[in-house]
Amino acid sequence: MWSPEMKIGEAASAAGLTIKTVRYYANIGLVTPHISAGTGYRNYLETDVAKLKFVGTARRFNFSIEECRELLGLYEDKNRPSRVVKRLALNKLDDIETRLTELKDLKQELEALVNACDGDDRPNCPIIDGLVKRSIE
């Protein structure tokens, strides 16, 4: 059940975010809570919580803060062209594909190092040697 205004803890809980995250989003202007004249508390409306949820979801897709700012602008613009939103999503999809390829390569490299290590009592360790070699490259 929504109350007309929520304090930051209630808004954070409703949005599935931490209070620290909600405060940060307010400080950088992603959401603009209403400041109570009497108490100075930040109060959040249902629309603010919807934006917080939206940003939380976008961040889970690894959109940057600036990309979230752009997406929020598009979210609020009911006359937005969907091609702009699609372009942003396609760019993020390309980023994810690139990262997946990098992670697969890292996994294979680490598996090779793990398989080369006997894991015994001797100090010789191909894993350490491989990490050192990689850090020098």
N, C-alpha and C. Protein backbone atom coordinates (compact mmCIF):
# COMPACT_ATOMS: atom_id res chain seq x y z
N MET A 1 0.85 -1.18 0.00
CA MET A 1 0.00 0.00 0.00
C MET A 1 0.89 1.24 0.00
N TRP A 2 0.65 2.12 -0.93
CA TRP A 2 1.45 3.33 -1.06
C TRP A 2 0.91 4.42 -0.14
N SER A 3 1.81 5.06 0.54
CA SER A 3 1.42 6.28 1.24
C SER A 3 1.72 7.43 0.30
N PRO A 4 1.09 8.58 0.49
CA PRO A 4 1.32 9.71 -0.42
C PRO A 4 2.80 10.09 -0.50
N GLU A 5 3.47 10.10 0.63
CA GLU A 5 4.89 10.41 0.66
C GLU A 5 5.59 9.39 1.54
N MET A 6 6.79 9.03 1.12
CA MET A 6 7.58 8.07 1.88
C MET A 6 8.91 8.69 2.27
N LYS A 7 9.38 8.33 3.41
CA LYS A 7 10.73 8.72 3.82
C LYS A 7 11.71 7.87 3.02
N ILE A 8 12.97 8.23 3.08
CA ILE A 8 13.98 7.58 2.25
C ILE A 8 14.06 6.07 2.49
N GLY A 9 13.95 5.64 3.73
CA GLY A 9 14.02 4.21 4.01
C GLY A 9 12.88 3.44 3.39
N GLU A 10 11.69 4.01 3.44
CA GLU A 10 10.53 3.36 2.84
C GLU A 10 10.66 3.33 1.31
N ALA A 11 11.12 4.42 0.75
CA ALA A 11 11.30 4.49 -0.70
C ALA A 11 12.37 3.51 -1.16
N ALA A 12 13.46 3.44 -0.41
CA ALA A 12 14.53 2.51 -0.76
C ALA A 12 14.02 1.07 -0.72
N SER A 13 13.30 0.74 0.32
CA SER A 13 12.75 -0.61 0.46
C SER A 13 11.78 -0.91 -0.69
N ALA A 14 10.90 0.02 -0.99
CA ALA A 14 9.93 -0.17 -2.06
C ALA A 14 10.61 -0.33 -3.42
N ALA A 15 11.75 0.33 -3.60
CA ALA A 15 12.46 0.29 -4.88
C ALA A 15 13.47 -0.86 -4.94
N GLY A 16 13.70 -1.54 -3.80
CA GLY A 16 14.68 -2.62 -3.79
C GLY A 16 16.11 -2.12 -3.83
N LEU A 17 16.34 -0.94 -3.27
CA LEU A 17 17.67 -0.33 -3.25
C LEU A 17 18.08 -0.03 -1.81
N THR A 18 19.34 0.29 -1.62
CA THR A 18 19.79 0.69 -0.29
C THR A 18 19.52 2.19 -0.11
N ILE A 19 19.45 2.60 1.13
CA ILE A 19 19.26 4.02 1.43
C ILE A 19 20.41 4.83 0.85
N LYS A 20 21.62 4.30 0.96
CA LYS A 20 22.79 5.00 0.44
C LYS A 20 22.66 5.23 -1.07
N THR A 21 22.16 4.22 -1.78
CA THR A 21 21.99 4.35 -3.23
C THR A 21 20.92 5.40 -3.55
N VAL A 22 19.81 5.35 -2.83
CA VAL A 22 18.73 6.32 -3.07
C VAL A 22 19.24 7.74 -2.80
N ARG A 23 19.98 7.90 -1.71
CA ARG A 23 20.53 9.22 -1.38
C ARG A 23 21.47 9.68 -2.49
N TYR A 24 22.32 8.77 -2.98
CA TYR A 24 23.25 9.11 -4.07
C TYR A 24 22.48 9.54 -5.32
N TYR A 25 21.45 8.79 -5.70
CA TYR A 25 20.66 9.14 -6.88
C TYR A 25 20.01 10.50 -6.72
N ALA A 26 19.58 10.82 -5.50
CA ALA A 26 19.00 12.15 -5.24
C ALA A 26 20.08 13.22 -5.33
N ASN A 27 21.25 12.95 -4.78
CA ASN A 27 22.34 13.93 -4.77
C ASN A 27 22.82 14.28 -6.18
N ILE A 28 22.77 13.29 -7.09
CA ILE A 28 23.24 13.56 -8.46
C ILE A 28 22.09 13.94 -9.39
N GLY A 29 20.89 14.05 -8.83
CA GLY A 29 19.77 14.56 -9.60
C GLY A 29 19.02 13.56 -10.46
N LEU A 30 19.22 12.26 -10.23
CA LEU A 30 18.44 11.28 -10.99
C LEU A 30 16.99 11.28 -10.55
N VAL A 31 16.78 11.46 -9.27
CA VAL A 31 15.44 11.64 -8.72
C VAL A 31 15.48 12.91 -7.87
N THR A 32 14.33 13.55 -7.76
CA THR A 32 14.27 14.77 -6.98
C THR A 32 13.19 14.63 -5.91
N PRO A 33 13.60 14.21 -4.72
CA PRO A 33 12.60 14.08 -3.65
C PRO A 33 12.10 15.45 -3.21
N HIS A 34 10.96 15.44 -2.58
CA HIS A 34 10.39 16.68 -2.04
C HIS A 34 10.96 16.84 -0.64
N ILE A 35 11.49 17.99 -0.34
CA ILE A 35 12.06 18.26 0.97
C ILE A 35 10.96 18.85 1.86
N SER A 36 10.74 18.18 2.98
CA SER A 36 9.72 18.66 3.92
C SER A 36 10.19 19.96 4.55
N ALA A 37 9.35 20.98 4.47
CA ALA A 37 9.70 22.29 5.03
C ALA A 37 9.86 22.21 6.54
N GLY A 38 9.04 21.40 7.18
CA GLY A 38 9.08 21.31 8.64
C GLY A 38 10.24 20.51 9.18
N THR A 39 10.56 19.40 8.52
CA THR A 39 11.59 18.50 9.07
C THR A 39 12.89 18.50 8.26
N GLY A 40 12.82 18.90 7.01
CA GLY A 40 13.99 18.84 6.15
C GLY A 40 14.22 17.44 5.58
N TYR A 41 13.33 16.49 5.90
CA TYR A 41 13.46 15.12 5.39
C TYR A 41 13.16 15.08 3.89
N ARG A 42 13.81 14.13 3.24
CA ARG A 42 13.51 13.88 1.84
C ARG A 42 12.28 12.98 1.80
N ASN A 43 11.28 13.39 1.09
CA ASN A 43 10.07 12.59 0.94
C ASN A 43 9.92 12.19 -0.52
N TYR A 44 9.55 10.93 -0.73
CA TYR A 44 9.45 10.37 -2.07
C TYR A 44 8.01 10.02 -2.39
N LEU A 45 7.60 10.34 -3.59
CA LEU A 45 6.27 10.01 -4.08
C LEU A 45 6.32 8.69 -4.84
N GLU A 46 5.17 8.16 -5.17
CA GLU A 46 5.09 6.92 -5.95
C GLU A 46 5.85 7.04 -7.26
N THR A 47 5.76 8.21 -7.89
CA THR A 47 6.47 8.41 -9.16
C THR A 47 7.98 8.39 -8.95
N ASP A 48 8.45 8.88 -7.81
CA ASP A 48 9.88 8.84 -7.50
C ASP A 48 10.34 7.40 -7.33
N VAL A 49 9.53 6.60 -6.64
CA VAL A 49 9.88 5.19 -6.42
C VAL A 49 9.89 4.45 -7.76
N ALA A 50 8.96 4.77 -8.65
CA ALA A 50 8.95 4.14 -9.98
C ALA A 50 10.25 4.47 -10.72
N LYS A 51 10.71 5.72 -10.61
CA LYS A 51 11.98 6.10 -11.25
C LYS A 51 13.16 5.37 -10.60
N LEU A 52 13.13 5.24 -9.28
CA LEU A 52 14.20 4.52 -8.58
C LEU A 52 14.25 3.06 -9.03
N LYS A 53 13.11 2.43 -9.16
CA LYS A 53 13.05 1.05 -9.65
C LYS A 53 13.60 0.97 -11.07
N PHE A 54 13.20 1.92 -11.90
CA PHE A 54 13.64 1.98 -13.28
C PHE A 54 15.16 2.08 -13.35
N VAL A 55 15.72 2.99 -12.59
CA VAL A 55 17.18 3.17 -12.58
C VAL A 55 17.86 1.92 -12.01
N GLY A 56 17.30 1.34 -10.96
CA GLY A 56 17.88 0.12 -10.40
C GLY A 56 17.94 -0.99 -11.44
N THR A 57 16.87 -1.13 -12.21
CA THR A 57 16.85 -2.15 -13.26
C THR A 57 17.87 -1.83 -14.34
N ALA A 58 17.93 -0.59 -14.76
CA ALA A 58 18.90 -0.19 -15.78
C ALA A 58 20.33 -0.43 -15.31
N ARG A 59 20.60 -0.14 -14.04
CA ARG A 59 21.95 -0.36 -13.50
C ARG A 59 22.30 -1.85 -13.50
N ARG A 60 21.30 -2.71 -13.24
CA ARG A 60 21.56 -4.15 -13.29
C ARG A 60 21.94 -4.61 -14.70
N PHE A 61 21.48 -3.87 -15.70
CA PHE A 61 21.89 -4.13 -17.07
C PHE A 61 23.21 -3.44 -17.40
N ASN A 62 23.81 -2.83 -16.38
CA ASN A 62 25.11 -2.19 -16.48
C ASN A 62 25.09 -0.88 -17.27
N PHE A 63 23.93 -0.22 -17.33
CA PHE A 63 23.90 1.12 -17.91
C PHE A 63 24.61 2.05 -16.93
N SER A 64 25.40 2.96 -17.45
CA SER A 64 26.12 3.93 -16.63
C SER A 64 25.12 4.93 -16.05
N ILE A 65 25.58 5.72 -15.12
CA ILE A 65 24.73 6.77 -14.54
C ILE A 65 24.26 7.73 -15.63
N GLU A 66 25.16 8.13 -16.51
CA GLU A 66 24.76 9.06 -17.58
C GLU A 66 23.79 8.40 -18.55
N GLU A 67 23.99 7.12 -18.83
CA GLU A 67 23.03 6.40 -19.67
C GLU A 67 21.68 6.31 -18.96
N CYS A 68 21.69 6.09 -17.66
CA CYS A 68 20.45 6.06 -16.87
C CYS A 68 19.76 7.41 -16.92
N ARG A 69 20.53 8.46 -16.85
CA ARG A 69 19.97 9.81 -16.93
C ARG A 69 19.26 9.99 -18.29
N GLU A 70 19.91 9.52 -19.34
CA GLU A 70 19.31 9.61 -20.68
C GLU A 70 18.06 8.73 -20.77
N LEU A 71 18.15 7.52 -20.24
CA LEU A 71 16.99 6.62 -20.25
C LEU A 71 15.83 7.18 -19.45
N LEU A 72 16.14 7.80 -18.31
CA LEU A 72 15.08 8.42 -17.50
C LEU A 72 14.38 9.54 -18.28
N GLY A 73 15.17 10.31 -19.00
CA GLY A 73 14.58 11.36 -19.83
C GLY A 73 13.65 10.77 -20.88
N LEU A 74 14.07 9.66 -21.45
CA LEU A 74 13.23 8.99 -22.44
C LEU A 74 12.00 8.36 -21.79
N TYR A 75 12.18 7.82 -20.60
CA TYR A 75 11.08 7.23 -19.83
C TYR A 75 10.00 8.27 -19.55
N GLU A 76 10.43 9.48 -19.25
CA GLU A 76 9.49 10.55 -18.92
C GLU A 76 8.89 11.21 -20.16
N ASP A 77 9.53 11.03 -21.31
CA ASP A 77 9.06 11.64 -22.56
C ASP A 77 8.14 10.66 -23.28
N LYS A 78 6.86 10.88 -23.18
CA LYS A 78 5.88 9.97 -23.79
C LYS A 78 5.86 10.08 -25.31
N ASN A 79 6.53 11.09 -25.88
CA ASN A 79 6.62 11.25 -27.33
C ASN A 79 7.97 10.79 -27.87
N ARG A 80 8.71 10.05 -27.06
CA ARG A 80 10.05 9.61 -27.46
C ARG A 80 9.99 8.67 -28.67
N PRO A 81 10.97 8.77 -29.55
CA PRO A 81 11.06 7.78 -30.63
C PRO A 81 11.72 6.51 -30.08
N SER A 82 11.09 5.39 -30.30
CA SER A 82 11.63 4.13 -29.75
C SER A 82 12.99 3.79 -30.33
N ARG A 83 13.30 4.32 -31.50
CA ARG A 83 14.61 4.02 -32.11
C ARG A 83 15.76 4.52 -31.23
N VAL A 84 15.53 5.61 -30.51
CA VAL A 84 16.58 6.14 -29.63
C VAL A 84 16.81 5.17 -28.46
N VAL A 85 15.72 4.67 -27.91
CA VAL A 85 15.82 3.71 -26.82
C VAL A 85 16.49 2.43 -27.32
N LYS A 86 16.08 1.98 -28.48
CA LYS A 86 16.64 0.75 -29.05
C LYS A 86 18.14 0.91 -29.30
N ARG A 87 18.55 2.10 -29.79
CA ARG A 87 19.98 2.33 -30.03
C ARG A 87 20.78 2.19 -28.74
N LEU A 88 20.26 2.77 -27.66
CA LEU A 88 20.94 2.66 -26.36
C LEU A 88 21.03 1.20 -25.91
N ALA A 89 19.92 0.47 -26.08
CA ALA A 89 19.91 -0.93 -25.67
C ALA A 89 20.84 -1.78 -26.53
N LEU A 90 20.87 -1.51 -27.83
CA LEU A 90 21.78 -2.25 -28.71
C LEU A 90 23.25 -1.98 -28.36
N ASN A 91 23.56 -0.73 -28.05
CA ASN A 91 24.93 -0.41 -27.63
C ASN A 91 25.30 -1.16 -26.36
N LYS A 92 24.36 -1.24 -25.41
CA LYS A 92 24.62 -1.95 -24.17
C LYS A 92 24.76 -3.44 -24.44
N LEU A 93 23.95 -3.96 -25.35
CA LEU A 93 24.04 -5.38 -25.71
C LEU A 93 25.41 -5.69 -26.31
N ASP A 94 25.92 -4.79 -27.15
CA ASP A 94 27.26 -4.95 -27.71
C ASP A 94 28.32 -4.95 -26.60
N ASP A 95 28.16 -4.06 -25.64
CA ASP A 95 29.09 -4.01 -24.50
C ASP A 95 29.07 -5.33 -23.73
N ILE A 96 27.88 -5.87 -23.50
CA ILE A 96 27.74 -7.12 -22.76
C ILE A 96 28.38 -8.27 -23.54
N GLU A 97 28.16 -8.30 -24.85
CA GLU A 97 28.77 -9.34 -25.70
C GLU A 97 30.30 -9.26 -25.63
N THR A 98 30.83 -8.06 -25.69
CA THR A 98 32.29 -7.88 -25.59
C THR A 98 32.80 -8.38 -24.25
N ARG A 99 32.09 -8.02 -23.18
CA ARG A 99 32.50 -8.43 -21.83
C ARG A 99 32.41 -9.95 -21.68
N LEU A 100 31.37 -10.55 -22.26
CA LEU A 100 31.23 -12.01 -22.19
C LEU A 100 32.40 -12.71 -22.88
N THR A 101 32.80 -12.18 -24.02
CA THR A 101 33.96 -12.74 -24.74
C THR A 101 35.21 -12.61 -23.88
N GLU A 102 35.40 -11.44 -23.27
CA GLU A 102 36.56 -11.24 -22.40
C GLU A 102 36.52 -12.20 -21.21
N LEU A 103 35.36 -12.39 -20.62
CA LEU A 103 35.23 -13.29 -19.47
C LEU A 103 35.49 -14.74 -19.87
N LYS A 104 35.01 -15.15 -21.05
CA LYS A 104 35.28 -16.52 -21.52
C LYS A 104 36.78 -16.73 -21.71
N ASP A 105 37.45 -15.73 -22.28
CA ASP A 105 38.90 -15.82 -22.47
C ASP A 105 39.62 -15.91 -21.12
N LEU A 106 39.20 -15.08 -20.16
CA LEU A 106 39.80 -15.12 -18.82
C LEU A 106 39.56 -16.47 -18.15
N LYS A 107 38.38 -17.00 -18.32
CA LYS A 107 38.06 -18.31 -17.73
C LYS A 107 38.97 -19.39 -18.30
N GLN A 108 39.13 -19.39 -19.60
CA GLN A 108 40.01 -20.39 -20.23
C GLN A 108 41.45 -20.24 -19.75
N GLU A 109 41.90 -19.00 -19.65
CA GLU A 109 43.26 -18.74 -19.19
C GLU A 109 43.45 -19.21 -17.74
N LEU A 110 42.49 -18.89 -16.89
CA LEU A 110 42.58 -19.30 -15.49
C LEU A 110 42.46 -20.81 -15.35
N GLU A 111 41.61 -21.44 -16.13
CA GLU A 111 41.50 -22.91 -16.11
C GLU A 111 42.82 -23.56 -16.47
N ALA A 112 43.50 -23.00 -17.48
CA ALA A 112 44.80 -23.54 -17.89
C ALA A 112 45.81 -23.41 -16.76
N LEU A 113 45.80 -22.27 -16.06
CA LEU A 113 46.72 -22.08 -14.93
C LEU A 113 46.40 -23.05 -13.80
N VAL A 114 45.12 -23.21 -13.49
CA VAL A 114 44.71 -24.13 -12.43
C VAL A 114 45.10 -25.56 -12.78
N ASN A 115 44.90 -25.95 -14.01
CA ASN A 115 45.25 -27.31 -14.44
C ASN A 115 46.75 -27.55 -14.44
N ALA A 116 47.53 -26.50 -14.63
CA ALA A 116 48.99 -26.64 -14.64
C ALA A 116 49.57 -26.71 -13.23
N CYS A 117 48.79 -26.36 -12.22
CA CYS A 117 49.28 -26.34 -10.84
C CYS A 117 48.99 -27.67 -10.16
N ASP A 118 50.03 -28.23 -9.52
CA ASP A 118 49.86 -29.51 -8.81
C ASP A 118 49.11 -29.34 -7.50
N GLY A 119 49.15 -28.17 -6.94
CA GLY A 119 48.44 -27.93 -5.69
C GLY A 119 49.01 -28.75 -4.54
N ASP A 120 50.32 -28.89 -4.53
CA ASP A 120 50.96 -29.69 -3.47
C ASP A 120 51.69 -28.78 -2.49
N ASP A 121 52.65 -29.33 -1.75
CA ASP A 121 53.36 -28.56 -0.73
C ASP A 121 54.57 -27.80 -1.28
N ARG A 122 54.88 -27.97 -2.54
CA ARG A 122 56.02 -27.27 -3.11
C ARG A 122 55.66 -25.83 -3.41
N PRO A 123 56.64 -24.91 -3.35
CA PRO A 123 56.35 -23.50 -3.60
C PRO A 123 56.14 -23.17 -5.08
N ASN A 124 56.59 -24.04 -5.98
CA ASN A 124 56.43 -23.79 -7.41
C ASN A 124 54.93 -23.73 -7.74
N CYS A 125 54.50 -22.61 -8.31
CA CYS A 125 53.07 -22.46 -8.60
C CYS A 125 52.86 -21.76 -9.94
N PRO A 126 52.39 -22.52 -10.93
CA PRO A 126 52.12 -21.93 -12.24
C PRO A 126 51.05 -20.83 -12.20
N ILE A 127 50.17 -20.86 -11.22
CA ILE A 127 49.15 -19.82 -11.12
C ILE A 127 49.82 -18.48 -10.80
N ILE A 128 50.68 -18.48 -9.77
CA ILE A 128 51.41 -17.25 -9.42
C ILE A 128 52.26 -16.80 -10.59
N ASP A 129 52.98 -17.74 -11.20
CA ASP A 129 53.84 -17.40 -12.34
C ASP A 129 53.02 -16.78 -13.47
N GLY A 130 51.85 -17.35 -13.74
CA GLY A 130 50.99 -16.84 -14.81
C GLY A 130 50.46 -15.45 -14.49
N LEU A 131 50.09 -15.23 -13.23
CA LEU A 131 49.60 -13.90 -12.83
C LEU A 131 50.71 -12.86 -12.95
N VAL A 132 51.92 -13.25 -12.55
CA VAL A 132 53.06 -12.33 -12.66
C VAL A 132 53.32 -12.01 -14.13
N LYS A 133 53.34 -13.04 -14.96
CA LYS A 133 53.59 -12.84 -16.37
C LYS A 133 52.55 -11.91 -16.99
N ARG A 134 51.31 -12.14 -16.63
CA ARG A 134 50.20 -11.33 -17.17
C ARG A 134 50.30 -9.87 -16.69
N SER A 135 50.77 -9.65 -15.47
CA SER A 135 50.85 -8.29 -14.93
C SER A 135 51.99 -7.50 -15.57
N ILE A 136 52.95 -8.19 -16.12
CA ILE A 136 54.09 -7.52 -16.77
C ILE A 136 53.74 -7.15 -18.22
N GLU A 137 52.85 -7.90 -18.82
CA GLU A 137 52.53 -7.68 -20.24
C GLU A 137 51.84 -6.38 -20.50
